[in-house]
């Protein structure tokens, strides 16, 4: 793995992203505010977190082979049991 290329992809990823999360009848919908027109969904909260990461990495066109080295985004101060009565902004931090 080329360290210069890895650094290039690392520099693309913000340390934190803001995600508007809404609970629906079918699960959760997310609007990733830091990237225009970047949306995803999941049947449950765990799947939503996985899909948010996939959406960000796809949006930034980061190859699959670099994803494990770059880390993943996780919700800060939020539990899956929280009720999302309406859309709310949630911060996700990059854990490396």
N, C-alpha and C. Protein backbone atom coordinates (compact mmCIF):
# COMPACT_ATOMS: atom_id res chain seq x y z
N UNK A 1 0.85 -1.17 0.00
CA UNK A 1 0.00 0.00 0.00
C UNK A 1 0.90 1.24 0.00
N UNK A 2 0.69 2.08 -0.94
CA UNK A 2 1.49 3.28 -1.12
C UNK A 2 1.13 4.32 -0.05
N UNK A 3 2.11 4.74 0.76
CA UNK A 3 1.83 5.68 1.84
C UNK A 3 1.43 7.06 1.33
N UNK A 4 1.95 7.44 0.18
CA UNK A 4 1.60 8.74 -0.42
C UNK A 4 0.11 8.74 -0.82
N UNK A 5 -0.33 7.65 -1.40
CA UNK A 5 -1.73 7.53 -1.80
C UNK A 5 -2.63 7.47 -0.57
N UNK A 6 -2.21 6.72 0.45
CA UNK A 6 -2.98 6.63 1.68
C UNK A 6 -3.14 8.01 2.32
N UNK A 7 -2.09 8.80 2.35
CA UNK A 7 -2.15 10.16 2.89
C UNK A 7 -3.12 11.03 2.09
N UNK A 8 -3.11 10.86 0.78
CA UNK A 8 -4.03 11.62 -0.08
C UNK A 8 -5.48 11.36 0.33
N UNK A 9 -5.81 10.09 0.56
CA UNK A 9 -7.18 9.74 0.96
C UNK A 9 -7.47 10.17 2.39
N UNK A 10 -6.49 10.08 3.27
CA UNK A 10 -6.65 10.53 4.65
C UNK A 10 -6.99 12.01 4.69
N UNK A 11 -6.32 12.78 3.86
CA UNK A 11 -6.55 14.23 3.81
C UNK A 11 -7.95 14.59 3.31
N UNK A 12 -8.58 13.70 2.56
CA UNK A 12 -9.94 13.96 2.06
C UNK A 12 -11.00 13.84 3.14
N UNK A 13 -10.73 13.01 4.15
CA UNK A 13 -11.73 12.70 5.16
C UNK A 13 -11.73 13.71 6.30
N UNK A 14 -12.84 14.37 6.54
CA UNK A 14 -12.91 15.27 7.71
C UNK A 14 -12.92 14.44 8.99
N UNK A 15 -12.44 15.01 10.09
CA UNK A 15 -12.43 14.30 11.37
C UNK A 15 -13.83 14.09 11.91
N UNK A 16 -14.76 14.94 11.50
CA UNK A 16 -16.14 14.84 11.97
C UNK A 16 -17.07 15.23 10.84
N UNK A 17 -18.21 14.58 10.76
CA UNK A 17 -19.24 14.94 9.78
C UNK A 17 -20.56 15.16 10.53
N UNK A 18 -21.42 15.94 9.94
CA UNK A 18 -22.76 16.17 10.48
C UNK A 18 -23.75 15.44 9.60
N UNK A 19 -24.61 14.66 10.23
CA UNK A 19 -25.57 13.85 9.50
C UNK A 19 -26.96 14.14 10.05
N UNK A 20 -27.89 14.47 9.17
CA UNK A 20 -29.30 14.63 9.56
C UNK A 20 -29.94 13.25 9.48
N UNK A 21 -30.41 12.76 10.62
CA UNK A 21 -30.98 11.41 10.71
C UNK A 21 -32.47 11.51 10.98
N UNK A 22 -33.23 10.68 10.27
CA UNK A 22 -34.68 10.64 10.47
C UNK A 22 -35.12 9.19 10.52
N UNK A 23 -35.94 8.88 11.51
CA UNK A 23 -36.51 7.54 11.60
C UNK A 23 -37.75 7.50 10.71
N UNK A 24 -37.87 6.43 9.94
CA UNK A 24 -39.04 6.22 9.08
C UNK A 24 -39.68 4.89 9.44
N UNK A 25 -40.77 4.57 8.77
CA UNK A 25 -41.43 3.28 9.00
C UNK A 25 -40.53 2.10 8.60
N UNK A 26 -39.64 2.35 7.65
CA UNK A 26 -38.78 1.28 7.13
C UNK A 26 -37.38 1.27 7.75
N UNK A 27 -37.08 2.20 8.65
CA UNK A 27 -35.75 2.24 9.25
C UNK A 27 -35.29 3.67 9.47
N UNK A 28 -34.12 4.00 8.92
CA UNK A 28 -33.52 5.32 9.09
C UNK A 28 -33.06 5.87 7.75
N UNK A 29 -33.13 7.17 7.61
CA UNK A 29 -32.63 7.88 6.43
C UNK A 29 -31.61 8.90 6.92
N UNK A 30 -30.53 9.07 6.16
CA UNK A 30 -29.48 10.01 6.55
C UNK A 30 -29.12 10.93 5.39
N UNK A 31 -28.97 12.20 5.73
CA UNK A 31 -28.49 13.23 4.80
C UNK A 31 -27.14 13.68 5.35
N UNK A 32 -26.06 13.35 4.65
CA UNK A 32 -24.72 13.69 5.12
C UNK A 32 -24.44 15.12 4.69
N UNK A 33 -24.57 16.04 5.64
CA UNK A 33 -24.56 17.47 5.37
C UNK A 33 -23.24 18.00 4.80
N UNK A 34 -22.13 17.35 5.12
CA UNK A 34 -20.82 17.83 4.67
C UNK A 34 -20.58 17.58 3.19
N UNK A 35 -21.39 16.72 2.58
CA UNK A 35 -21.23 16.38 1.17
C UNK A 35 -22.56 16.57 0.45
N UNK A 36 -22.66 17.56 -0.44
CA UNK A 36 -23.91 17.84 -1.13
C UNK A 36 -24.48 16.61 -1.83
N UNK A 37 -25.77 16.41 -1.69
CA UNK A 37 -26.51 15.34 -2.36
C UNK A 37 -26.00 13.96 -1.96
N UNK A 38 -25.55 13.81 -0.73
CA UNK A 38 -25.05 12.52 -0.24
C UNK A 38 -26.05 11.99 0.79
N UNK A 39 -26.80 10.97 0.40
CA UNK A 39 -27.86 10.40 1.22
C UNK A 39 -27.68 8.89 1.30
N UNK A 40 -28.22 8.31 2.36
CA UNK A 40 -28.22 6.86 2.48
C UNK A 40 -29.33 6.45 3.43
N UNK A 41 -29.51 5.15 3.59
CA UNK A 41 -30.55 4.64 4.47
C UNK A 41 -30.13 3.29 5.04
N UNK A 42 -30.79 2.89 6.10
CA UNK A 42 -30.55 1.58 6.71
C UNK A 42 -31.79 1.08 7.41
N UNK A 43 -31.92 -0.24 7.49
CA UNK A 43 -33.10 -0.84 8.13
C UNK A 43 -33.08 -0.63 9.64
N UNK A 44 -31.86 -0.56 10.20
CA UNK A 44 -31.71 -0.31 11.64
C UNK A 44 -30.53 0.65 11.81
N UNK A 45 -30.30 1.07 13.07
CA UNK A 45 -29.27 2.08 13.28
C UNK A 45 -27.87 1.56 12.96
N UNK A 46 -27.58 0.32 13.30
CA UNK A 46 -26.26 -0.26 13.01
C UNK A 46 -26.00 -0.29 11.50
N UNK A 47 -27.01 -0.68 10.74
CA UNK A 47 -26.87 -0.68 9.28
C UNK A 47 -26.71 0.73 8.75
N UNK A 48 -27.42 1.68 9.35
CA UNK A 48 -27.30 3.07 8.92
C UNK A 48 -25.87 3.57 9.08
N UNK A 49 -25.24 3.27 10.21
CA UNK A 49 -23.85 3.70 10.43
C UNK A 49 -22.94 3.10 9.36
N UNK A 50 -23.14 1.83 9.08
CA UNK A 50 -22.35 1.17 8.02
C UNK A 50 -22.57 1.85 6.67
N UNK A 51 -23.82 2.17 6.37
CA UNK A 51 -24.15 2.79 5.09
C UNK A 51 -23.65 4.23 5.00
N UNK A 52 -23.62 4.95 6.12
CA UNK A 52 -23.06 6.31 6.14
C UNK A 52 -21.59 6.26 5.75
N UNK A 53 -20.86 5.31 6.34
CA UNK A 53 -19.45 5.15 5.98
C UNK A 53 -19.28 4.81 4.51
N UNK A 54 -20.09 3.91 4.03
CA UNK A 54 -20.01 3.52 2.62
C UNK A 54 -20.32 4.71 1.71
N UNK A 55 -21.31 5.49 2.08
CA UNK A 55 -21.69 6.67 1.28
C UNK A 55 -20.56 7.69 1.22
N UNK A 56 -19.92 7.96 2.36
CA UNK A 56 -18.82 8.93 2.40
C UNK A 56 -17.65 8.46 1.55
N UNK A 57 -17.26 7.21 1.73
CA UNK A 57 -16.12 6.69 0.98
C UNK A 57 -16.41 6.62 -0.51
N UNK A 58 -17.64 6.30 -0.86
CA UNK A 58 -18.03 6.28 -2.27
C UNK A 58 -18.06 7.70 -2.84
N UNK A 59 -18.61 8.63 -2.08
CA UNK A 59 -18.68 10.03 -2.51
C UNK A 59 -17.28 10.56 -2.81
N UNK A 60 -16.32 10.20 -1.96
CA UNK A 60 -14.94 10.68 -2.13
C UNK A 60 -14.12 9.80 -3.07
N UNK A 61 -14.75 8.77 -3.62
CA UNK A 61 -14.12 7.87 -4.59
C UNK A 61 -12.86 7.21 -4.02
N UNK A 62 -12.96 6.72 -2.79
CA UNK A 62 -11.85 6.05 -2.13
C UNK A 62 -11.94 4.55 -2.42
N UNK A 63 -10.88 3.96 -2.97
CA UNK A 63 -10.90 2.53 -3.30
C UNK A 63 -11.08 1.65 -2.06
N UNK A 64 -11.73 0.54 -2.27
CA UNK A 64 -12.03 -0.43 -1.21
C UNK A 64 -10.79 -0.82 -0.41
N UNK A 65 -9.66 -1.01 -1.06
CA UNK A 65 -8.46 -1.51 -0.40
C UNK A 65 -7.91 -0.53 0.66
N UNK A 66 -8.32 0.73 0.62
CA UNK A 66 -7.83 1.72 1.59
C UNK A 66 -8.76 1.93 2.77
N UNK A 67 -9.99 1.47 2.66
CA UNK A 67 -11.01 1.78 3.67
C UNK A 67 -10.64 1.32 5.07
N UNK A 68 -10.13 0.13 5.23
CA UNK A 68 -9.80 -0.39 6.57
C UNK A 68 -8.69 0.43 7.22
N UNK A 69 -7.76 0.93 6.44
CA UNK A 69 -6.64 1.72 6.97
C UNK A 69 -7.09 3.13 7.37
N UNK A 70 -8.16 3.62 6.78
CA UNK A 70 -8.59 4.99 7.00
C UNK A 70 -9.51 5.16 8.19
N UNK A 71 -10.10 4.10 8.68
CA UNK A 71 -11.00 4.19 9.82
C UNK A 71 -12.45 4.25 9.39
N UNK A 72 -13.31 4.59 10.34
CA UNK A 72 -14.75 4.64 10.09
C UNK A 72 -15.38 5.71 10.97
N UNK A 73 -16.52 6.20 10.54
CA UNK A 73 -17.27 7.20 11.30
C UNK A 73 -18.25 6.50 12.24
N UNK A 74 -18.33 7.03 13.47
CA UNK A 74 -19.27 6.52 14.47
C UNK A 74 -19.99 7.70 15.12
N UNK A 75 -21.24 7.47 15.47
CA UNK A 75 -22.05 8.52 16.10
C UNK A 75 -21.47 8.90 17.45
N UNK A 76 -21.50 10.19 17.74
CA UNK A 76 -21.04 10.70 19.03
C UNK A 76 -22.24 10.96 19.92
N UNK A 77 -22.19 10.51 21.15
CA UNK A 77 -23.22 10.78 22.15
C UNK A 77 -24.63 10.44 21.67
N UNK A 78 -24.76 9.30 21.01
CA UNK A 78 -26.07 8.91 20.50
C UNK A 78 -26.19 7.40 20.64
N UNK A 79 -27.34 6.94 21.07
CA UNK A 79 -27.57 5.50 21.17
C UNK A 79 -28.65 5.11 20.18
N UNK A 80 -28.63 3.86 19.72
CA UNK A 80 -29.66 3.41 18.77
C UNK A 80 -31.08 3.49 19.32
N UNK A 81 -31.23 3.50 20.63
CA UNK A 81 -32.56 3.54 21.24
C UNK A 81 -33.19 4.93 21.21
N UNK A 82 -32.39 5.95 20.88
CA UNK A 82 -32.93 7.31 20.85
C UNK A 82 -34.07 7.40 19.82
N UNK A 83 -35.10 8.09 20.20
CA UNK A 83 -36.24 8.26 19.30
C UNK A 83 -35.99 9.46 18.38
N UNK A 84 -36.18 9.27 17.11
CA UNK A 84 -36.03 10.34 16.14
C UNK A 84 -37.43 10.74 15.70
N UNK A 85 -38.07 11.63 16.47
CA UNK A 85 -39.42 12.06 16.14
C UNK A 85 -39.41 12.89 14.87
N UNK A 86 -38.34 13.64 14.65
CA UNK A 86 -38.19 14.42 13.43
C UNK A 86 -36.71 14.39 13.07
N UNK A 87 -36.36 15.00 11.98
CA UNK A 87 -34.98 14.99 11.55
C UNK A 87 -34.13 15.72 12.58
N UNK A 88 -33.00 15.11 12.97
CA UNK A 88 -32.09 15.76 13.90
C UNK A 88 -30.66 15.60 13.40
N UNK A 89 -29.84 16.61 13.66
CA UNK A 89 -28.44 16.56 13.26
C UNK A 89 -27.64 15.79 14.30
N UNK A 90 -26.82 14.88 13.83
CA UNK A 90 -25.99 14.06 14.67
C UNK A 90 -24.56 14.16 14.17
N UNK A 91 -23.61 14.26 15.08
CA UNK A 91 -22.21 14.32 14.69
C UNK A 91 -21.60 12.94 14.71
N UNK A 92 -20.85 12.64 13.65
CA UNK A 92 -20.13 11.37 13.54
C UNK A 92 -18.64 11.70 13.50
N UNK A 93 -17.86 11.03 14.35
CA UNK A 93 -16.42 11.26 14.41
C UNK A 93 -15.70 10.12 13.70
N UNK A 94 -14.60 10.44 13.07
CA UNK A 94 -13.77 9.45 12.39
C UNK A 94 -12.88 8.77 13.42
N UNK A 95 -13.02 7.45 13.55
CA UNK A 95 -12.17 6.67 14.45
C UNK A 95 -11.18 5.89 13.59
N UNK A 96 -9.91 6.07 13.88
CA UNK A 96 -8.88 5.41 13.08
C UNK A 96 -8.27 4.25 13.84
